Amino acid sequence: MGDFVWMEEYTDGPPLFAPPSTSKRKARTPRKLEFTGWGSNLLIEFLQSIGTGTTNQISQYDVTAIINKYVNDRNLLHPTKKKRVLCDEWLLPLFGRKTINRIRIYDLLEPHFAENKVGSDDDFFDTTDDDEDNNAYQRHKCSASDRKCHSKKRVFEAPKSCFAAIVPDNIKLVYLKRLLVQDLAKNNPETFQSKIVGSFVRIKSDPNDYLQKNSHMLVQVTGLVESSRANGINTEILLEVSNYMKDVRISMLSDDNFSKEECEDLNQRVRDGSLKRPTIVELEEKAQVLHEDITKHVVASWRTCFSSKAH
């Protein structure tokens, strides 16, 4: 795996995160978040206010998708700055500021999940937008000497915060077809969750989504759910996936390769903030876990194909 060549996300324009501002900033005031079960009271109250059930935990990816839909339904985007969200009476207490960068929604939700609490890190800060951009810049920037910023291709030697480009060559290393997922669930149940969560799969697009131009879409697996079947004896594994409100059965996955257009659609969702932007390290680690299984599956498919042609 060490010789994989990863495409790194970069830009010839301004940096991904704005550099530190020289303007005077307001002092930050920490507020202690209170939690009810898996989420903060603020998050739980928001979700309940729009009719979303909170008995079972909702992943950070899916909450991001819910908020993006909430923003679209209520026309909360800034009239001229389309990447900025105008926070209403529900989003204002949730994020602690009047406007937010839409692509930062996922990160801003992090302190609202009980699983992310570490020591005193459960303080929630009201900050100015400049403070938030500065903090993000400090957390995620890579030094020029380490990342060689304008190199499009490089062998994986990146700091953890360098983002991977959402391109076919990267995604295919962590993409699982239906038959492979079925094999993993049947033959490796003890490692199935660790392998499947974080990978990408392909499903049919929601026919009611008028914004979706492709018949299928790439989604990232964010969790697993066991659902009892009608007879109450057998259970079926369901997948929680990004940007899709319903759980997905393994039988619903595609067994074909994804298209370039579907990868571009995935990239757009990442840029819109409805899906966490993956780092090179995250994709590298997942690719290492899946490499042997994907390779065996490809070889087996080739053998089956050649055998069929021989007969």
C-alpha atoms as a PDB file:
ATOM      1  CA  MET A   1       0.000   0.000   0.000  1.00  0.00           C
ATOM      2  CA  GLY A   2       2.922   2.331   0.595  1.00  0.00           C
ATOM      3  CA  ASP A   3       3.432   2.919  -3.149  1.00  0.00           C
ATOM      4  CA  PHE A   4      -0.098   4.162  -3.827  1.00  0.00           C
ATOM      5  CA  VAL A   5      -0.121   7.504  -5.580  1.00  0.00           C
ATOM      6  CA  TRP A   6      -2.852   9.699  -4.146  1.00  0.00           C
ATOM      7  CA  MET A   7      -4.364  12.772  -5.713  1.00  0.00           C
ATOM      8  CA  GLU A   8      -4.252  15.653  -3.252  1.00  0.00           C
ATOM      9  CA  GLU A   9      -6.861  18.403  -3.162  1.00  0.00           C
ATOM     10  CA  TYR A  10      -5.283  21.797  -3.824  1.00  0.00           C
ATOM     11  CA  THR A  11      -6.077  25.105  -5.398  1.00  0.00           C
ATOM     12  CA  ASP A  12      -4.126  27.682  -7.399  1.00  0.00           C
ATOM     13  CA  GLY A  13      -6.171  30.429  -5.781  1.00  0.00           C
ATOM     14  CA  PRO A  14      -6.575  31.319  -2.119  1.00  0.00           C
ATOM     15  CA  PRO A  15      -5.942  28.575   0.459  1.00  0.00           C
ATOM     16  CA  LEU A  16      -8.782  26.214   1.358  1.00  0.00           C
ATOM     17  CA  PHE A  17      -9.160  27.989   4.673  1.00  0.00           C
ATOM     18  CA  ALA A  18      -8.761  31.727   5.023  1.00  0.00           C
ATOM     19  CA  PRO A  19      -5.453  32.881   6.567  1.00  0.00           C
ATOM     20  CA  PRO A  20      -5.490  34.566   9.963  1.00  0.00           C
ATOM     21  CA  SER A  21      -7.217  37.917   9.902  1.00  0.00           C
ATOM     22  CA  THR A  22      -5.477  40.981  11.288  1.00  0.00           C
ATOM     23  CA  SER A  23      -8.756  42.566  12.333  1.00  0.00           C
ATOM     24  CA  LYS A  24      -9.642  42.793  16.010  1.00  0.00           C
ATOM     25  CA  ARG A  25     -11.725  39.841  17.152  1.00  0.00           C
ATOM     26  CA  LYS A  26     -14.284  39.480  19.861  1.00  0.00           C
ATOM     27  CA  ALA A  27     -13.325  37.528  22.953  1.00  0.00           C
ATOM     28  CA  ARG A  28     -14.610  33.970  22.991  1.00  0.00           C
ATOM     29  CA  THR A  29     -17.023  32.992  25.732  1.00  0.00           C
ATOM     30  CA  PRO A  30     -17.206  29.267  26.549  1.00  0.00           C
ATOM     31  CA  ARG A  31     -20.614  27.775  27.197  1.00  0.00           C
ATOM     32  CA  LYS A  32     -20.954  24.342  28.720  1.00  0.00           C
ATOM     33  CA  LEU A  33     -23.029  22.074  26.506  1.00  0.00           C
ATOM     34  CA  GLU A  34     -25.574  19.862  28.226  1.00  0.00           C
ATOM     35  CA  PHE A  35     -26.296  16.448  26.750  1.00  0.00           C
ATOM     36  CA  THR A  36     -29.337  14.214  26.503  1.00  0.00           C
ATOM     37  CA  GLY A  37     -28.138  10.790  25.458  1.00  0.00           C
ATOM     38  CA  TRP A  38     -26.026  10.859  22.306  1.00  0.00           C
ATOM     39  CA  GLY A  39     -26.439  14.551  21.468  1.00  0.00           C
ATOM     40  CA  SER A  40     -26.430  17.986  23.056  1.00  0.00           C
ATOM     41  CA  ASN A  41     -29.737  19.449  24.216  1.00  0.00           C
ATOM     42  CA  LEU A  42     -29.435  22.116  21.506  1.00  0.00           C
ATOM     43  CA  LEU A  43     -29.043  19.521  18.763  1.00  0.00           C
ATOM     44  CA  ILE A  44     -31.777  17.232  20.085  1.00  0.00           C
ATOM     45  CA  GLU A  45     -34.224  20.146  20.400  1.00  0.00           C
ATOM     46  CA  PHE A  46     -33.460  21.300  16.858  1.00  0.00           C
ATOM     47  CA  LEU A  47     -34.006  17.834  15.369  1.00  0.00           C
ATOM     48  CA  GLN A  48     -37.245  17.348  17.308  1.00  0.00           C
ATOM     49  CA  SER A  49     -38.479  20.771  16.175  1.00  0.00           C
ATOM     50  CA  ILE A  50     -38.397  19.613  12.550  1.00  0.00           C
ATOM     51  CA  GLY A  51     -39.983  16.241  13.311  1.00  0.00           C
ATOM     52  CA  THR A  52     -36.843  14.088  13.253  1.00  0.00           C
ATOM     53  CA  GLY A  53     -36.792  11.225  15.750  1.00  0.00           C
ATOM     54  CA  THR A  54     -33.876  11.241  18.179  1.00  0.00           C
ATOM     55  CA  THR A  55     -34.389   7.980  20.070  1.00  0.00           C
ATOM     56  CA  ASN A  56     -31.681   6.311  17.987  1.00  0.00           C
ATOM     57  CA  GLN A  57     -28.426   8.119  17.339  1.00  0.00           C
ATOM     58  CA  ILE A  58     -28.147   9.949  14.037  1.00  0.00           C
ATOM     59  CA  SER A  59     -24.668  10.091  12.553  1.00  0.00           C
ATOM     60  CA  GLN A  60     -22.806  13.357  12.170  1.00  0.00           C
ATOM     61  CA  TYR A  61     -22.905  12.876   8.389  1.00  0.00           C
ATOM     62  CA  ASP A  62     -26.686  12.508   8.374  1.00  0.00           C
ATOM     63  CA  VAL A  63     -27.266  15.460  10.704  1.00  0.00           C
ATOM     64  CA  THR A  64     -25.189  17.525   8.260  1.00  0.00           C
ATOM     65  CA  ALA A  65     -27.442  16.367   5.419  1.00  0.00           C
ATOM     66  CA  ILE A  66     -30.557  17.182   7.486  1.00  0.00           C
ATOM     67  CA  ILE A  67     -29.314  20.710   8.181  1.00  0.00           C
ATOM     68  CA  ASN A  68     -28.391  21.269   4.530  1.00  0.00           C
ATOM     69  CA  LYS A  69     -31.929  20.273   3.549  1.00  0.00           C
ATOM     70  CA  TYR A  70     -33.289  22.541   6.305  1.00  0.00           C
ATOM     71  CA  VAL A  71     -31.251  25.431   4.889  1.00  0.00           C
ATOM     72  CA  ASN A  72     -32.496  24.782   1.349  1.00  0.00           C
ATOM     73  CA  ASP A  73     -36.145  24.372   2.376  1.00  0.00           C
ATOM     74  CA  ARG A  74     -36.126  27.667   4.287  1.00  0.00           C
ATOM     75  CA  ASN A  75     -33.999  29.651   1.815  1.00  0.00           C
ATOM     76  CA  LEU A  76     -31.382  30.462   4.450  1.00  0.00           C
ATOM     77  CA  LEU A  77     -28.498  30.956   2.023  1.00  0.00           C
ATOM     78  CA  HIS A  78     -27.042  34.463   1.857  1.00  0.00           C
ATOM     79  CA  PRO A  79     -28.521  36.307  -1.163  1.00  0.00           C
ATOM     80  CA  THR A  80     -25.095  37.153  -2.621  1.00  0.00           C
ATOM     81  CA  LYS A  81     -22.641  34.890  -0.771  1.00  0.00           C
ATOM     82  CA  LYS A  82     -24.110  31.522  -1.689  1.00  0.00           C
ATOM     83  CA  LYS A  83     -21.720  29.523   0.478  1.00  0.00           C
ATOM     84  CA  ARG A  84     -22.844  31.292   3.641  1.00  0.00           C
ATOM     85  CA  VAL A  85     -25.864  30.314   5.713  1.00  0.00           C
ATOM     86  CA  LEU A  86     -28.005  32.844   7.560  1.00  0.00           C
ATOM     87  CA  CYS A  87     -28.775  31.220  10.904  1.00  0.00           C
ATOM     88  CA  ASP A  88     -32.406  31.448  12.008  1.00  0.00           C
ATOM     89  CA  GLU A  89     -33.782  31.125  15.551  1.00  0.00           C
ATOM     90  CA  TRP A  90     -32.904  27.409  15.624  1.00  0.00           C
ATOM     91  CA  LEU A  91     -29.486  27.434  13.964  1.00  0.00           C
ATOM     92  CA  LEU A  92     -28.265  30.498  15.865  1.00  0.00           C
ATOM     93  CA  PRO A  93     -28.126  28.783  19.296  1.00  0.00           C
ATOM     94  CA  LEU A  94     -26.840  25.583  17.667  1.00  0.00           C
ATOM     95  CA  PHE A  95     -23.822  27.198  16.001  1.00  0.00           C
ATOM     96  CA  GLY A  96     -23.451  30.318  18.128  1.00  0.00           C
ATOM     97  CA  ARG A  97     -23.160  32.802  15.275  1.00  0.00           C
ATOM     98  CA  LYS A  98     -25.394  34.685  12.861  1.00  0.00           C
ATOM     99  CA  THR A  99     -23.800  33.292   9.696  1.00  0.00           C
ATOM    100  CA  ILE A 100     -21.700  30.220   8.983  1.00  0.00           C
ATOM    101  CA  ASN A 101     -19.799  28.816   6.047  1.00  0.00           C
ATOM    102  CA  ARG A 102     -21.927  26.012   4.623  1.00  0.00           C
ATOM    103  CA  ILE A 103     -18.951  23.752   4.081  1.00  0.00           C
ATOM    104  CA  ARG A 104     -18.140  23.987   7.811  1.00  0.00           C
ATOM    105  CA  ILE A 105     -21.457  22.558   9.037  1.00  0.00           C
ATOM    106  CA  TYR A 106     -20.045  19.068   9.612  1.00  0.00           C
ATOM    107  CA  ASP A 107     -17.112  20.360  11.688  1.00  0.00           C
ATOM    108  CA  LEU A 108     -19.285  22.783  13.671  1.00  0.00           C
ATOM    109  CA  LEU A 109     -21.538  19.890  14.697  1.00  0.00           C
ATOM    110  CA  GLU A 110     -18.678  17.948  16.286  1.00  0.00           C
ATOM    111  CA  PRO A 111     -19.028  19.305  19.861  1.00  0.00           C
ATOM    112  CA  HIS A 112     -22.753  18.433  19.834  1.00  0.00           C
ATOM    113  CA  PHE A 113     -22.050  14.662  19.814  1.00  0.00           C
ATOM    114  CA  ALA A 114     -21.399  12.991  23.161  1.00  0.00           C
ATOM    115  CA  GLU A 115     -18.968  10.568  21.536  1.00  0.00           C
ATOM    116  CA  ASN A 116     -16.670  13.483  20.694  1.00  0.00           C
ATOM    117  CA  LYS A 117     -16.383  14.748  24.280  1.00  0.00           C
ATOM    118  CA  VAL A 118     -12.835  14.536  25.594  1.00  0.00           C
ATOM    119  CA  GLY A 119     -12.024  16.051  28.969  1.00  0.00           C
ATOM    120  CA  SER A 120     -12.801  19.743  28.977  1.00  0.00           C
ATOM    121  CA  ASP A 121     -13.301  19.836  25.219  1.00  0.00           C
ATOM    122  CA  ASP A 122     -17.072  19.870  25.708  1.00  0.00           C
ATOM    123  CA  ASP A 123     -16.981  23.657  26.032  1.00  0.00           C
ATOM    124  CA  PHE A 124     -18.811  25.269  23.154  1.00  0.00           C
ATOM    125  CA  PHE A 125     -17.385  28.621  22.019  1.00  0.00           C
ATOM    126  CA  ASP A 126     -19.211  31.545  20.551  1.00  0.00           C
ATOM    127  CA  THR A 127     -16.754  32.915  17.996  1.00  0.00           C
ATOM    128  CA  THR A 128     -16.666  35.376  15.190  1.00  0.00           C
ATOM    129  CA  ASP A 129     -16.425  34.021  11.669  1.00  0.00           C
ATOM    130  CA  ASP A 130     -12.833  35.231  11.519  1.00  0.00           C
ATOM    131  CA  ASP A 131     -11.986  33.214  14.612  1.00  0.00           C
ATOM    132  CA  GLU A 132     -13.607  30.107  13.169  1.00  0.00           C
ATOM    133  CA  ASP A 133     -11.816  30.415   9.848  1.00  0.00           C
ATOM    134  CA  ASN A 134      -8.528  31.059  11.636  1.00  0.00           C
ATOM    135  CA  ASN A 135      -8.941  28.033  13.902  1.00  0.00           C
ATOM    136  CA  ALA A 136      -9.832  25.838  10.934  1.00  0.00           C
ATOM    137  CA  TYR A 137      -6.854  27.145   9.027  1.00  0.00           C
ATOM    138  CA  GLN A 138      -4.501  26.407  11.921  1.00  0.00           C
ATOM    139  CA  ARG A 139      -5.912  22.901  12.404  1.00  0.00           C
ATOM    140  CA  HIS A 140      -5.907  21.836   8.787  1.00  0.00           C
ATOM    141  CA  LYS A 141      -3.119  23.645   6.947  1.00  0.00           C
ATOM    142  CA  CYS A 142      -0.073  21.707   5.787  1.00  0.00           C
ATOM    143  CA  SER A 143       3.342  23.341   5.686  1.00  0.00           C
ATOM    144  CA  ALA A 144       4.740  24.005   2.230  1.00  0.00           C
ATOM    145  CA  SER A 145       7.825  21.916   2.966  1.00  0.00           C
ATOM    146  CA  ASP A 146       5.734  18.857   3.886  1.00  0.00           C
ATOM    147  CA  ARG A 147       3.029  18.890   1.278  1.00  0.00           C
ATOM    148  CA  LYS A 148       4.665  20.557  -1.772  1.00  0.00           C
ATOM    149  CA  CYS A 149       1.427  22.441  -2.225  1.00  0.00           C
ATOM    150  CA  HIS A 150       1.341  22.663  -6.014  1.00  0.00           C
ATOM    151  CA  SER A 151       2.210  19.052  -6.743  1.00  0.00           C
ATOM    152  CA  LYS A 152      -0.868  17.334  -8.173  1.00  0.00           C
ATOM    153  CA  LYS A 153       0.425  13.795  -7.662  1.00  0.00           C
ATOM    154  CA  ARG A 154       2.551  12.512  -4.827  1.00  0.00           C
ATOM    155  CA  VAL A 155       3.365   9.323  -3.000  1.00  0.00           C
ATOM    156  CA  PHE A 156       1.466   9.114   0.289  1.00  0.00           C
ATOM    157  CA  GLU A 157       3.584  11.002   2.841  1.00  0.00           C
ATOM    158  CA  ALA A 158       1.053  13.571   3.977  1.00  0.00           C
ATOM    159  CA  PRO A 159       0.171  15.176   7.284  1.00  0.00           C
ATOM    160  CA  LYS A 160      -3.208  13.988   8.551  1.00  0.00           C
ATOM    161  CA  SER A 161      -4.973  17.216   7.606  1.00  0.00           C
ATOM    162  CA  CYS A 162      -4.166  17.129   3.855  1.00  0.00           C
ATOM    163  CA  PHE A 163      -7.366  16.462   1.957  1.00  0.00           C
ATOM    164  CA  ALA A 164      -7.643  13.811  -0.727  1.00  0.00           C
ATOM    165  CA  ALA A 165      -9.133  14.790  -4.064  1.00  0.00           C
ATOM    166  CA  ILE A 166     -12.497  13.208  -4.869  1.00  0.00           C
ATOM    167  CA  VAL A 167     -11.445  11.612  -8.159  1.00  0.00           C
ATOM    168  CA  PRO A 168     -12.052   8.111  -9.590  1.00  0.00           C
ATOM    169  CA  ASP A 169      -8.460   6.939  -9.002  1.00  0.00           C
ATOM    170  CA  ASN A 170      -8.827   7.618  -5.263  1.00  0.00           C
ATOM    171  CA  ILE A 171     -12.408   6.483  -4.717  1.00  0.00           C
ATOM    172  CA  LYS A 172     -11.995   3.159  -6.560  1.00  0.00           C
ATOM    173  CA  LEU A 173      -9.506   2.069  -3.857  1.00  0.00           C
ATOM    174  CA  VAL A 174     -12.261   2.242  -1.221  1.00  0.00           C
ATOM    175  CA  TYR A 175     -15.282   1.375  -3.401  1.00  0.00           C
ATOM    176  CA  LEU A 176     -17.161  -1.868  -2.697  1.00  0.00           C
ATOM    177  CA  LYS A 177     -19.522  -3.659  -5.076  1.00  0.00           C
ATOM    178  CA  ARG A 178     -22.598  -5.532  -3.873  1.00  0.00           C
ATOM    179  CA  LEU A 179     -21.213  -9.068  -4.243  1.00  0.00           C
ATOM    180  CA  LEU A 180     -18.083  -8.184  -2.292  1.00  0.00           C
ATOM    181  CA  VAL A 181     -20.147  -6.635   0.517  1.00  0.00           C
ATOM    182  CA  GLN A 182     -22.294  -9.766   0.635  1.00  0.00           C
ATOM    183  CA  ASP A 183     -19.183 -11.958   0.822  1.00  0.00           C
ATOM    184  CA  LEU A 184     -17.697  -9.868   3.615  1.00  0.00           C
ATOM    185  CA  ALA A 185     -20.942 -10.003   5.606  1.00  0.00           C
ATOM    186  CA  LYS A 186     -21.185 -13.791   5.193  1.00  0.00           C
ATOM    187  CA  ASN A 187     -17.555 -14.862   5.543  1.00  0.00           C
ATOM    188  CA  ASN A 188     -16.078 -12.192   7.824  1.00  0.00           C
ATOM    189  CA  PRO A 189     -18.854 -11.069  10.200  1.00  0.00           C
ATOM    190  CA  GLU A 190     -16.401 -10.214  12.985  1.00  0.00           C
ATOM    191  CA  THR A 191     -14.521  -7.698  10.825  1.00  0.00           C
ATOM    192  CA  PHE A 192     -17.410  -6.652   8.585  1.00  0.00           C
ATOM    193  CA  GLN A 193     -18.206  -3.393  10.381  1.00  0.00           C
ATOM    194  CA  SER A 194     -14.602  -2.193  10.522  1.00  0.00           C
ATOM    195  CA  LYS A 195     -14.227  -2.846   6.798  1.00  0.00           C
ATOM    196  CA  ILE A 196     -17.526  -1.515   5.488  1.00  0.00           C
ATOM    197  CA  VAL A 197     -17.842   1.706   7.530  1.00  0.00           C
ATOM    198  CA  GLY A 198     -15.967   4.490   5.749  1.00  0.00           C
ATOM    199  CA  SER A 199     -16.027   2.758   2.371  1.00  0.00           C
ATOM    200  CA  PHE A 200     -18.053   3.970  -0.615  1.00  0.00           C
ATOM    201  CA  VAL A 201     -20.899   2.116  -2.314  1.00  0.00           C
ATOM    202  CA  ARG A 202     -23.229   2.853  -5.236  1.00  0.00           C
ATOM    203  CA  ILE A 203     -27.024   2.985  -4.979  1.00  0.00           C
ATOM    204  CA  LYS A 204     -29.931   4.165  -7.124  1.00  0.00           C
ATOM    205  CA  SER A 205     -30.665   7.859  -6.806  1.00  0.00           C
ATOM    206  CA  ASP A 206     -33.870   8.993  -5.149  1.00  0.00           C
ATOM    207  CA  PRO A 207     -36.359   9.464  -8.029  1.00  0.00           C
ATOM    208  CA  ASN A 208     -37.913  12.347  -6.100  1.00  0.00           C
ATOM    209  CA  ASP A 209     -34.604  14.245  -5.967  1.00  0.00           C
ATOM    210  CA  TYR A 210     -34.983  16.621  -8.889  1.00  0.00           C
ATOM    211  CA  LEU A 211     -31.445  17.940  -8.360  1.00  0.00           C
ATOM    212  CA  GLN A 212     -29.904  14.519  -9.002  1.00  0.00           C
ATOM    213  CA  LYS A 213     -29.028  14.117 -12.679  1.00  0.00           C
ATOM    214  CA  ASN A 214     -27.525  10.613 -12.487  1.00  0.00           C
ATOM    215  CA  SER A 215     -29.456   7.350 -12.172  1.00  0.00           C
ATOM    216  CA  HIS A 216     -27.049   6.204  -9.428  1.00  0.00           C
ATOM    217  CA  MET A 217     -25.023   7.959  -6.751  1.00  0.00           C
ATOM    218  CA  LEU A 218     -21.922   7.238  -4.697  1.00  0.00           C
ATOM    219  CA  VAL A 219     -22.467   7.330  -0.931  1.00  0.00           C
ATOM    220  CA  GLN A 220     -20.229   6.672   2.046  1.00  0.00           C
ATOM    221  CA  VAL A 221     -21.179   4.006   4.590  1.00  0.00           C
ATOM    222  CA  THR A 222     -21.394   5.685   8.000  1.00  0.00           C
ATOM    223  CA  GLY A 223     -22.804   2.882  10.177  1.00  0.00           C
ATOM    224  CA  LEU A 224     -24.669  -0.423  10.431  1.00  0.00           C
ATOM    225  CA  VAL A 225     -28.134  -1.296  11.706  1.00  0.00           C
ATOM    226  CA  GLU A 226     -29.575  -4.753  12.385  1.00  0.00           C
ATOM    227  CA  SER A 227     -33.239  -5.039  11.444  1.00  0.00           C
ATOM    228  CA  SER A 228     -35.476  -7.988  12.390  1.00  0.00           C
ATOM    229  CA  ARG A 229     -37.335  -9.590   9.523  1.00  0.00           C
ATOM    230  CA  ALA A 230     -41.047 -10.296   9.500  1.00  0.00           C
ATOM    231  CA  ASN A 231     -40.755 -13.691  11.196  1.00  0.00           C
ATOM    232  CA  GLY A 232     -38.833 -12.109  14.064  1.00  0.00           C
ATOM    233  CA  ILE A 233     -36.095 -14.730  13.874  1.00  0.00           C
ATOM    234  CA  ASN A 234     -33.629 -13.689  11.206  1.00  0.00           C
ATOM    235  CA  THR A 235     -31.985 -10.295  11.144  1.00  0.00           C
ATOM    236  CA  GLU A 236     -30.881  -8.265   8.167  1.00  0.00           C
ATOM    237  CA  ILE A 237     -27.926  -5.906   8.135  1.00  0.00           C
ATOM    238  CA  LEU A 238     -28.835  -2.430   6.947  1.00  0.00           C
ATOM    239  CA  LEU A 239     -26.332   0.249   6.013  1.00  0.00           C
ATOM    240  CA  GLU A 240     -26.464   3.850   7.149  1.00  0.00           C
ATOM    241  CA  VAL A 241     -25.113   5.964   4.307  1.00  0.00           C
ATOM    242  CA  SER A 242     -24.419   9.628   3.700  1.00  0.00           C
ATOM    243  CA  ASN A 243     -26.922  11.904   1.942  1.00  0.00           C
ATOM    244  CA  TYR A 244     -29.706   9.318   2.102  1.00  0.00           C
ATOM    245  CA  MET A 245     -32.370   9.447   4.786  1.00  0.00           C
ATOM    246  CA  LYS A 246     -33.327   5.749   4.690  1.00  0.00           C
ATOM    247  CA  ASP A 247     -31.227   2.758   5.696  1.00  0.00           C
ATOM    248  CA  VAL A 248     -29.973   0.734   2.733  1.00  0.00           C
ATOM    249  CA  ARG A 249     -30.178  -3.047   2.310  1.00  0.00           C
ATOM    250  CA  ILE A 250     -27.079  -4.745   0.940  1.00  0.00           C
ATOM    251  CA  SER A 251     -29.208  -6.089  -1.926  1.00  0.00           C
ATOM    252  CA  MET A 252     -29.824  -2.474  -2.999  1.00  0.00           C
ATOM    253  CA  LEU A 253     -26.128  -1.879  -3.719  1.00  0.00           C
ATOM    254  CA  SER A 254     -24.869  -1.769  -7.279  1.00  0.00           C
ATOM    255  CA  ASP A 255     -22.496  -4.430  -8.606  1.00  0.00           C
ATOM    256  CA  ASP A 256     -21.214  -2.210 -11.416  1.00  0.00           C
ATOM    257  CA  ASN A 257     -18.413   0.327 -11.609  1.00  0.00           C
ATOM    258  CA  PHE A 258     -19.283   3.950 -10.896  1.00  0.00           C
ATOM    259  CA  SER A 259     -19.084   6.588 -13.613  1.00  0.00           C
ATOM    260  CA  LYS A 260     -16.951   9.714 -13.791  1.00  0.00           C
ATOM    261  CA  GLU A 261     -20.135  11.803 -13.561  1.00  0.00           C
ATOM    262  CA  GLU A 262     -21.160  10.046 -10.331  1.00  0.00           C
ATOM    263  CA  CYS A 263     -17.741  10.769  -8.843  1.00  0.00           C
ATOM    264  CA  GLU A 264     -18.095  14.422  -9.844  1.00  0.00           C
ATOM    265  CA  ASP A 265     -21.483  14.489  -8.132  1.00  0.00           C
ATOM    266  CA  LEU A 266     -19.874  13.060  -4.974  1.00  0.00           C
ATOM    267  CA  ASN A 267     -17.191  15.736  -5.158  1.00  0.00           C
ATOM    268  CA  GLN A 268     -19.856  18.445  -5.405  1.00  0.00           C
ATOM    269  CA  ARG A 269     -21.616  17.139  -2.294  1.00  0.00           C
ATOM    270  CA  VAL A 270     -18.304  17.278  -0.437  1.00  0.00           C
ATOM    271  CA  ARG A 271     -17.783  20.869  -1.557  1.00  0.00           C
ATOM    272  CA  ASP A 272     -21.355  21.767  -0.528  1.00  0.00           C
ATOM    273  CA  GLY A 273     -20.609  20.522   2.991  1.00  0.00           C
ATOM    274  CA  SER A 274     -23.116  17.651   2.988  1.00  0.00           C
ATOM    275  CA  LEU A 275     -20.303  15.104   3.249  1.00  0.00           C
ATOM    276  CA  LYS A 276     -17.091  15.307   5.269  1.00  0.00           C
ATOM    277  CA  ARG A 277     -14.054  15.998   3.125  1.00  0.00           C
ATOM    278  CA  PRO A 278     -11.818  12.894   3.552  1.00  0.00           C
ATOM    279  CA  THR A 279      -8.121  13.262   4.284  1.00  0.00           C
ATOM    280  CA  ILE A 280      -5.409  11.342   2.486  1.00  0.00           C
ATOM    281  CA  VAL A 281      -4.655   9.470   5.698  1.00  0.00           C
ATOM    282  CA  GLU A 282      -8.293   8.358   6.125  1.00  0.00           C
ATOM    283  CA  LEU A 283      -8.485   7.001   2.577  1.00  0.00           C
ATOM    284  CA  GLU A 284      -5.042   5.404   2.879  1.00  0.00           C
ATOM    285  CA  GLU A 285      -6.010   3.546   6.054  1.00  0.00           C
ATOM    286  CA  LYS A 286      -9.318   2.358   4.585  1.00  0.00           C
ATOM    287  CA  ALA A 287      -7.618   1.298   1.352  1.00  0.00           C
ATOM    288  CA  GLN A 288      -5.103  -0.763   3.345  1.00  0.00           C
ATOM    289  CA  VAL A 289      -7.945  -2.570   5.103  1.00  0.00           C
ATOM    290  CA  LEU A 290      -9.816  -3.296   1.866  1.00  0.00           C
ATOM    291  CA  HIS A 291      -6.942  -3.880  -0.558  1.00  0.00           C
ATOM    292  CA  GLU A 292      -6.690  -7.668  -0.198  1.00  0.00           C
ATOM    293  CA  ASP A 293     -10.475  -8.200  -0.341  1.00  0.00           C
ATOM    294  CA  ILE A 294     -10.942  -5.964  -3.386  1.00  0.00           C
ATOM    295  CA  THR A 295      -8.019  -7.596  -5.196  1.00  0.00           C
ATOM    296  CA  LYS A 296      -9.321 -11.128  -4.547  1.00  0.00           C
ATOM    297  CA  HIS A 297     -12.799 -10.102  -5.695  1.00  0.00           C
ATOM    298  CA  VAL A 298     -11.456  -8.597  -8.942  1.00  0.00           C
ATOM    299  CA  VAL A 299      -9.351 -11.695  -9.674  1.00  0.00           C
ATOM    300  CA  ALA A 300     -12.322 -13.981  -8.991  1.00  0.00           C
ATOM    301  CA  SER A 301     -14.496 -11.897 -11.333  1.00  0.00           C
ATOM    302  CA  TRP A 302     -11.904 -12.139 -14.089  1.00  0.00           C
ATOM    303  CA  ARG A 303     -11.695 -15.910 -13.682  1.00  0.00           C
ATOM    304  CA  THR A 304     -15.466 -16.238 -13.844  1.00  0.00           C
ATOM    305  CA  CYS A 305     -15.574 -14.086 -16.959  1.00  0.00           C
ATOM    306  CA  PHE A 306     -12.804 -16.026 -18.718  1.00  0.00           C
ATOM    307  CA  SER A 307     -14.389 -19.343 -17.730  1.00  0.00           C
ATOM    308  CA  SER A 308     -17.734 -18.280 -19.199  1.00  0.00           C
ATOM    309  CA  LYS A 309     -16.095 -17.229 -22.473  1.00  0.00           C
ATOM    310  CA  ALA A 310     -14.180 -20.521 -22.663  1.00  0.00           C
ATOM    311  CA  HIS A 311     -17.424 -22.478 -22.518  1.00  0.00           C
END
